[in-house]
Protein backbone atom coordinates (compact mmCIF):
# COMPACT_ATOMS: atom_id res chain seq x y z
CA UNK A 1 0.00 0.00 0.00
CA UNK A 2 1.41 3.42 -0.95
CA UNK A 3 2.02 6.10 1.64
CA UNK A 4 -0.83 8.16 0.20
CA UNK A 5 -3.24 5.23 0.38
CA UNK A 6 -2.17 4.54 3.94
CA UNK A 7 -2.82 8.14 4.95
CA UNK A 8 -6.25 8.15 3.28
CA UNK A 9 -7.12 4.86 4.97
CA UNK A 10 -6.14 6.20 8.39
CA UNK A 11 -8.05 9.44 7.80
CA UNK A 12 -11.15 7.49 6.83
CA UNK A 13 -10.95 5.34 9.97
CA UNK A 14 -10.37 8.42 12.10
CA UNK A 15 -13.37 10.09 10.52
CA UNK A 16 -15.64 7.15 11.26
CA UNK A 17 -14.37 7.02 14.84
CA UNK A 18 -15.09 10.72 15.18
CA UNK A 19 -18.62 10.19 13.94
CA UNK A 20 -19.20 7.36 16.38
CA UNK A 21 -18.07 9.61 19.20
CA UNK A 22 -20.58 12.29 18.36
CA UNK A 23 -23.38 10.02 17.07
CA UNK A 24 -24.81 7.75 19.70
CA UNK A 25 -27.11 6.35 17.11
CA UNK A 26 -29.34 8.74 15.52
CA UNK A 27 -27.81 12.01 14.87
CA UNK A 28 -24.63 13.67 13.93
CA UNK A 29 -23.49 16.20 16.42
CA UNK A 30 -22.07 19.54 15.52
CA UNK A 31 -18.98 19.85 13.39
CA UNK A 32 -17.60 23.39 12.97
CA UNK A 33 -19.34 24.98 10.04
CA UNK A 34 -21.47 28.09 10.40
CA UNK A 35 -23.04 29.93 13.30
CA UNK A 36 -25.65 27.97 15.17
CA UNK A 37 -29.25 29.15 15.11
CA UNK A 38 -30.45 30.99 18.17
CA UNK A 39 -33.10 28.82 19.78
CA UNK A 40 -36.20 30.14 21.43
CA UNK A 41 -36.24 29.10 25.07
CA UNK A 42 -39.70 30.60 25.46
CA UNK A 43 -41.06 27.61 23.56
CA UNK A 44 -42.13 29.27 20.30
CA UNK A 45 -41.64 27.23 17.15
CA UNK A 46 -41.49 27.75 13.46
CA UNK A 47 -39.33 30.81 12.91
CA UNK A 48 -35.73 31.84 13.31
CA UNK A 49 -36.60 34.79 15.58
CA UNK A 50 -33.72 35.41 18.03
CA UNK A 51 -34.44 34.38 21.59
CA UNK A 52 -32.35 33.63 24.65
CA UNK A 53 -29.74 30.94 24.19
CA UNK A 54 -27.29 30.31 21.38
CA UNK A 55 -26.45 26.68 20.70
CA UNK A 56 -23.30 25.45 22.37
CA UNK A 57 -20.20 24.94 20.23
CA UNK A 58 -20.47 21.17 20.21
CA UNK A 59 -23.41 18.84 20.73
CA UNK A 60 -23.27 15.44 22.35
CA UNK A 61 -25.50 12.44 22.17
CA UNK A 62 -27.65 10.92 24.93
CA UNK A 63 -25.56 11.18 28.05
CA UNK A 64 -24.30 14.72 27.38
CA UNK A 65 -22.00 14.95 30.40
CA UNK A 66 -24.72 13.21 32.41
CA UNK A 67 -22.43 10.61 33.90
CA UNK A 68 -24.28 8.07 36.01
CA UNK A 69 -27.63 9.01 34.47
CA UNK A 70 -27.76 6.62 31.55
CA UNK A 71 -31.38 5.54 32.00
CA UNK A 72 -32.65 9.10 32.13
CA UNK A 73 -30.55 9.94 29.10
CA UNK A 74 -32.02 7.04 27.16
CA UNK A 75 -35.54 8.26 27.89
CA UNK A 76 -34.56 11.76 26.82
CA UNK A 77 -33.25 10.36 23.56
CA UNK A 78 -36.45 8.42 22.92
CA UNK A 79 -38.54 11.50 23.71
CA UNK A 80 -36.41 13.51 21.31
CA UNK A 81 -37.05 11.15 18.44
CA UNK A 82 -40.73 10.57 19.06
CA UNK A 83 -42.12 13.71 20.69
CA UNK A 84 -44.66 15.50 18.53
CA UNK A 85 -43.89 19.15 17.80
CA UNK A 86 -47.36 20.30 18.84
CA UNK A 87 -47.24 18.76 22.31
CA UNK A 88 -43.60 19.55 23.00
CA UNK A 89 -42.96 22.78 21.11
CA UNK A 90 -40.98 24.29 24.00
CA UNK A 91 -38.41 21.58 23.34
CA UNK A 92 -38.58 21.74 19.55
CA UNK A 93 -37.18 24.27 17.10
CA UNK A 94 -38.56 24.13 13.57
CA UNK A 95 -37.33 25.73 10.39
CA UNK A 96 -39.48 28.40 8.80
CA UNK A 97 -41.65 27.25 5.91
CA UNK A 98 -40.84 29.00 2.64
CA UNK A 99 -42.82 29.79 -0.46
CA UNK A 100 -43.17 26.64 -2.55
CA UNK A 101 -41.82 26.77 -6.09
CA UNK A 102 -42.01 24.35 -9.03
CA UNK A 103 -38.28 23.78 -8.65
CA UNK A 104 -38.81 22.76 -4.99
CA UNK A 105 -41.49 20.29 -5.99
CA UNK A 106 -39.27 18.77 -8.64
CA UNK A 107 -36.33 18.49 -6.26
CA UNK A 108 -38.46 16.95 -3.50
CA UNK A 109 -39.87 14.35 -5.88
CA UNK A 110 -36.37 13.50 -7.06
CA UNK A 111 -35.26 12.99 -3.45
CA UNK A 112 -38.20 10.67 -2.81
CA UNK A 113 -37.52 8.66 -5.98
CA UNK A 114 -33.83 8.23 -5.19
CA UNK A 115 -34.48 7.38 -1.56
CA UNK A 116 -37.21 4.85 -2.33
CA UNK A 117 -34.99 3.01 -4.77
CA UNK A 118 -31.97 3.06 -2.47
CA UNK A 119 -33.71 1.69 0.63
CA UNK A 120 -35.86 -0.91 -1.09
CA UNK A 121 -33.41 -3.65 -0.14
CA UNK A 122 -33.69 -2.64 3.50
CA UNK A 123 -37.29 -3.82 3.65
CA UNK A 124 -35.48 -6.91 4.88
CA UNK A 125 -34.10 -5.38 8.06
CA UNK A 126 -31.44 -8.08 8.23
CA UNK A 127 -29.82 -6.48 5.17
CA UNK A 128 -29.64 -3.16 7.03
CA UNK A 129 -27.96 -4.83 9.98
CA UNK A 130 -25.53 -6.64 7.71
CA UNK A 131 -24.59 -3.35 6.06
CA UNK A 132 -23.72 -1.57 9.27
CA UNK A 133 -26.96 -0.02 10.51
CA UNK A 134 -27.33 -0.23 14.29
CA UNK A 135 -30.66 -0.34 16.14
CA UNK A 136 -31.02 2.46 18.67
CA UNK A 137 -32.28 1.07 22.00
CA UNK A 138 -33.89 -2.07 20.57
CA UNK A 139 -35.24 -3.16 23.96
CA UNK A 140 -37.07 0.11 24.66
CA UNK A 141 -40.64 0.28 23.22
CA UNK A 142 -40.82 2.98 20.53
CA UNK A 143 -43.31 4.03 17.83
CA UNK A 144 -40.39 4.03 15.38
CA UNK A 145 -36.98 2.43 15.66
CA UNK A 146 -33.97 4.20 14.22
CA UNK A 147 -31.40 2.01 12.51
CA UNK A 148 -28.40 4.33 12.16
CA UNK A 149 -25.27 4.10 10.05
CA UNK A 150 -22.45 6.06 11.69
CA UNK A 151 -20.46 6.36 8.49
CA UNK A 152 -23.45 7.79 6.63
CA UNK A 153 -24.00 10.29 9.44
CA UNK A 154 -20.40 11.41 9.25
CA UNK A 155 -20.58 11.89 5.49
CA UNK A 156 -23.83 13.84 5.82
CA UNK A 157 -21.88 16.60 7.55
CA UNK A 158 -20.09 17.35 4.31
CA UNK A 159 -22.12 16.06 1.38
CA UNK A 160 -25.72 15.16 0.65
CA UNK A 161 -26.81 12.04 -1.20
CA UNK A 162 -30.57 11.32 -1.13
CA UNK A 163 -29.75 7.63 -1.48
CA UNK A 164 -27.59 7.68 1.67
CA UNK A 165 -29.75 8.48 4.73
CA UNK A 166 -28.23 8.59 8.19
CA UNK A 167 -30.99 6.42 9.65
CA UNK A 168 -33.67 4.01 8.51
CA UNK A 169 -37.04 4.15 10.29
CA UNK A 170 -38.87 0.94 11.18
CA UNK A 171 -42.05 -0.06 12.94
CA UNK A 172 -41.79 -3.15 15.10
CA UNK A 173 -43.94 -6.11 14.05
CA UNK A 174 -44.66 -9.56 15.46
CA UNK A 175 -41.95 -11.02 13.25
CA UNK A 176 -39.36 -8.25 13.13
CA UNK A 177 -39.36 -4.74 11.68
CA UNK A 178 -41.26 -3.03 8.87
CA UNK A 179 -39.44 -0.28 6.94
CA UNK A 180 -41.45 2.96 6.83
CA UNK A 181 -38.93 5.69 6.11
CA UNK A 182 -35.55 7.26 6.59
CA UNK A 183 -33.90 10.25 8.22
CA UNK A 184 -31.37 12.77 6.97
CA UNK A 185 -29.19 14.75 9.36
CA UNK A 186 -26.97 17.79 9.32
CA UNK A 187 -24.76 19.45 11.96
CA UNK A 188 -26.72 21.67 14.31
CA UNK A 189 -24.72 24.73 13.28
CA UNK A 190 -25.96 24.53 9.70
CA UNK A 191 -27.96 27.50 8.45
CA UNK A 192 -31.49 27.27 7.12
CA UNK A 193 -30.18 28.09 3.66
CA UNK A 194 -27.90 25.05 3.88
CA UNK A 195 -30.79 22.88 5.00
CA UNK A 196 -32.93 24.24 2.19
CA UNK A 197 -30.23 23.31 -0.31
CA UNK A 198 -30.66 19.68 0.75
CA UNK A 199 -34.38 19.29 1.35
CA UNK A 200 -36.53 22.30 0.40
CA UNK A 201 -37.94 24.19 3.37
CA UNK A 202 -41.12 24.79 1.41
CA UNK A 203 -41.73 21.04 1.48
CA UNK A 204 -40.27 19.83 4.76
CA UNK A 205 -39.56 21.26 8.20
CA UNK A 206 -36.18 20.33 9.61
CA UNK A 207 -36.08 20.36 13.39
CA UNK A 208 -33.77 20.56 16.37
CA UNK A 209 -34.43 19.29 19.88
CA UNK A 210 -33.83 22.10 22.33
CA UNK A 211 -33.98 23.35 25.92
CA UNK A 212 -33.15 20.11 27.70
CA UNK A 213 -32.72 20.22 31.46
CA UNK A 214 -31.37 17.08 33.10
CA UNK A 215 -30.92 16.57 36.85
CA UNK A 216 -27.44 16.88 38.27
CA UNK A 217 -27.01 13.46 39.84
CA UNK A 218 -23.68 14.51 41.35
CA UNK A 219 -25.71 16.81 43.59
CA UNK A 220 -28.26 14.12 44.41
CA UNK A 221 -31.03 15.60 42.27
CA UNK A 222 -33.58 12.93 41.32
CA UNK A 223 -35.06 12.57 37.86
CA UNK A 224 -38.58 13.99 37.83
CA UNK A 225 -40.21 13.39 34.44
CA UNK A 226 -42.61 16.23 35.08
CA UNK A 227 -39.72 18.68 35.26
CA UNK A 228 -36.73 17.20 33.47
CA UNK A 229 -36.13 15.78 30.03
CA UNK A 230 -37.75 16.60 26.71
CA UNK A 231 -41.23 16.02 28.15
CA UNK A 232 -40.54 18.09 31.23
CA UNK A 233 -41.83 21.56 32.05
CA UNK A 234 -38.39 23.14 32.43
CA UNK A 235 -37.29 24.90 29.25
CA UNK A 236 -35.05 27.76 30.39
CA UNK A 237 -31.58 28.10 31.88
CA UNK A 238 -32.85 29.95 34.97
CA UNK A 239 -35.53 27.36 35.76
CA UNK A 240 -33.04 24.56 35.24
CA UNK A 241 -30.52 26.20 37.56
CA UNK A 242 -33.18 26.65 40.20
CA UNK A 243 -34.14 22.96 39.94
CA UNK A 244 -30.51 21.90 40.29
CA UNK A 245 -30.19 20.65 36.74
CA UNK A 246 -27.83 20.90 33.80
CA UNK A 247 -29.19 22.89 30.86
CA UNK A 248 -28.50 22.06 27.21
CA UNK A 249 -29.84 24.63 24.70
CA UNK A 250 -29.55 22.20 21.79
CA UNK A 251 -29.01 18.45 21.65
CA UNK A 252 -28.25 16.28 18.64
CA UNK A 253 -28.28 17.99 15.24
CA UNK A 254 -30.73 18.94 12.52
CA UNK A 255 -32.95 16.12 11.30
CA UNK A 256 -35.74 15.55 8.84
CA UNK A 257 -37.85 12.43 8.35
CA UNK A 258 -38.93 11.13 4.96
CA UNK A 259 -41.60 8.45 4.43
CA UNK A 260 -41.22 7.66 0.71
CA UNK A 261 -43.98 5.02 0.59
CA UNK A 262 -46.74 7.52 1.42
CA UNK A 263 -49.01 8.93 -1.29
CA UNK A 264 -48.54 12.69 -0.90
CA UNK A 265 -45.65 15.05 -0.17
CA UNK A 266 -47.34 16.25 3.02
CA UNK A 267 -47.30 12.70 4.38
CA UNK A 268 -43.90 11.86 2.90
CA UNK A 269 -42.18 14.79 4.63
CA UNK A 270 -44.22 14.65 7.84
CA UNK A 271 -42.64 14.85 11.28
CA UNK A 272 -43.90 11.36 12.07
CA UNK A 273 -45.25 8.44 10.12
CA UNK A 274 -48.86 8.90 9.03
CA UNK A 275 -51.11 6.47 10.87
CA UNK A 276 -54.35 5.50 9.15
């Protein structure tokens, strides 16, 4: 192997290791790019209006410096992936919808076509597992299970390929898993223009999970689901400090779900799988 090939091989391995460090399964954490969006700690969704907290320089995955609080972190991660934006808007930041254009419609349909063809083989979930997708918390009941490919997540920070989603989305069945969709990701510091360049903001709403307060177990603070986590009432730094918690303005990175087997763009680019 030539010296150049050796260096490229080592860089590739280092890159994948870096992704694994910042992706606990679902999402790519922040990689230096552009300024992070300012999230609204007052709980308003839908626009990029400045609010209180700017996203921290680097995101972490479930556990975010919450040593000794793995179970609570797991539940926070599940809430993050499955919480509806209507019920939990104080912990959700959505991109602003833009005016729809014919070019957006064409691009969205092209994404769906490429994605549908690329993931067809993963209807057999064993193929996904064989190709490096990992099930996030398989023993925890979830409406949708994320099968995540760390390498894909790492590459998503730099390039976009509609046929290369970060995660596959499955519903659990009596005999295994049924493929329903996929998820694209982008570093949390990406701008809305960058997100729009990948999946049009007139078609889909990318989202961030925000304003997470977790109890400081080192101070003996117990986990109260009514207060802490992404279903808790605490959504500001001051309230979190008062409760003895650790506040995280933004966790994970940008994400958008795509359900390519649905029959309309509204259902295809919905926040969650359409249930008949």
